[in-house]
Amino acid sequence: MADDTKKTGLDRKLISLDEPHEVRSWTESLGVTEAQLREAVKAVGHSVEAVRRYLADGKR
């Protein structure tokens, strides 16, 4: 079964790179490219807060 694109809560605390709509949503929300998003997740994991800190520290 496909992910429900309307889910909130825990879904908004973790970044999933498996679903195109999730990648698109996070790149728009964070103002980064898909490559930058994937690099950040690879560096710090799927936590939104960790990715935000990574990007804010100028690691992009």
Protein backbone atom coordinates (compact mmCIF):
# COMPACT_ATOMS: atom_id res chain seq x y z
CA MET A 1 0.00 0.00 0.00
CA ALA A 2 1.33 3.46 -0.87
CA ASP A 3 2.06 6.12 1.72
CA ASP A 4 -0.83 8.38 2.61
CA THR A 5 0.23 11.82 1.36
CA LYS A 6 -2.07 13.41 3.98
CA LYS A 7 -0.30 11.92 7.04
CA THR A 8 1.18 14.22 9.65
CA GLY A 9 2.85 13.79 13.01
CA LEU A 10 5.72 11.31 12.95
CA ASP A 11 5.89 11.59 9.16
CA ARG A 12 6.91 15.23 9.60
CA LYS A 13 9.74 14.35 12.02
CA LEU A 14 11.50 11.99 9.63
CA ILE A 15 12.54 12.53 6.03
CA SER A 16 11.79 9.68 3.66
CA LEU A 17 13.71 9.55 0.40
CA ASP A 18 11.73 6.56 -0.89
CA GLU A 19 8.68 8.43 -2.16
CA PRO A 20 8.94 11.11 -4.88
CA HIS A 21 6.22 13.25 -3.29
CA GLU A 22 8.13 13.21 0.03
CA VAL A 23 11.39 14.26 -1.64
CA ARG A 24 9.60 17.05 -3.53
CA SER A 25 7.86 18.25 -0.36
CA TRP A 26 11.07 18.32 1.69
CA THR A 27 13.14 20.04 -1.01
CA GLU A 28 10.49 22.77 -1.28
CA SER A 29 10.10 23.07 2.48
CA LEU A 30 13.84 23.25 3.17
CA GLY A 31 14.73 25.27 0.07
CA VAL A 32 17.34 22.80 -1.18
CA THR A 33 17.92 20.63 -4.22
CA GLU A 34 17.28 16.90 -4.17
CA ALA A 35 21.04 16.29 -4.20
CA GLN A 36 21.51 18.57 -1.17
CA LEU A 37 18.68 16.84 0.67
CA ARG A 38 20.11 13.39 -0.04
CA GLU A 39 23.58 14.54 1.06
CA ALA A 40 22.21 15.93 4.32
CA VAL A 41 20.24 12.76 5.09
CA LYS A 42 23.30 10.65 4.31
CA ALA A 43 25.41 12.80 6.64
CA VAL A 44 23.08 13.07 9.65
CA GLY A 45 20.22 10.62 9.19
CA HIS A 46 16.49 11.00 8.56
CA SER A 47 15.64 13.32 11.46
CA VAL A 48 14.20 16.61 10.21
CA GLU A 49 15.82 18.53 13.06
CA ALA A 50 19.25 17.03 12.36
CA VAL A 51 18.93 17.82 8.65
CA ARG A 52 17.82 21.40 9.41
CA ARG A 53 20.86 21.89 11.69
CA TYR A 54 23.18 20.39 9.08
CA LEU A 55 21.85 22.72 6.41
CA ALA A 56 21.88 25.75 8.73
CA ASP A 57 25.53 25.10 9.58
CA GLY A 58 26.35 25.80 5.95
CA LYS A 59 27.09 22.23 5.02
CA ARG A 60 25.23 22.52 1.76
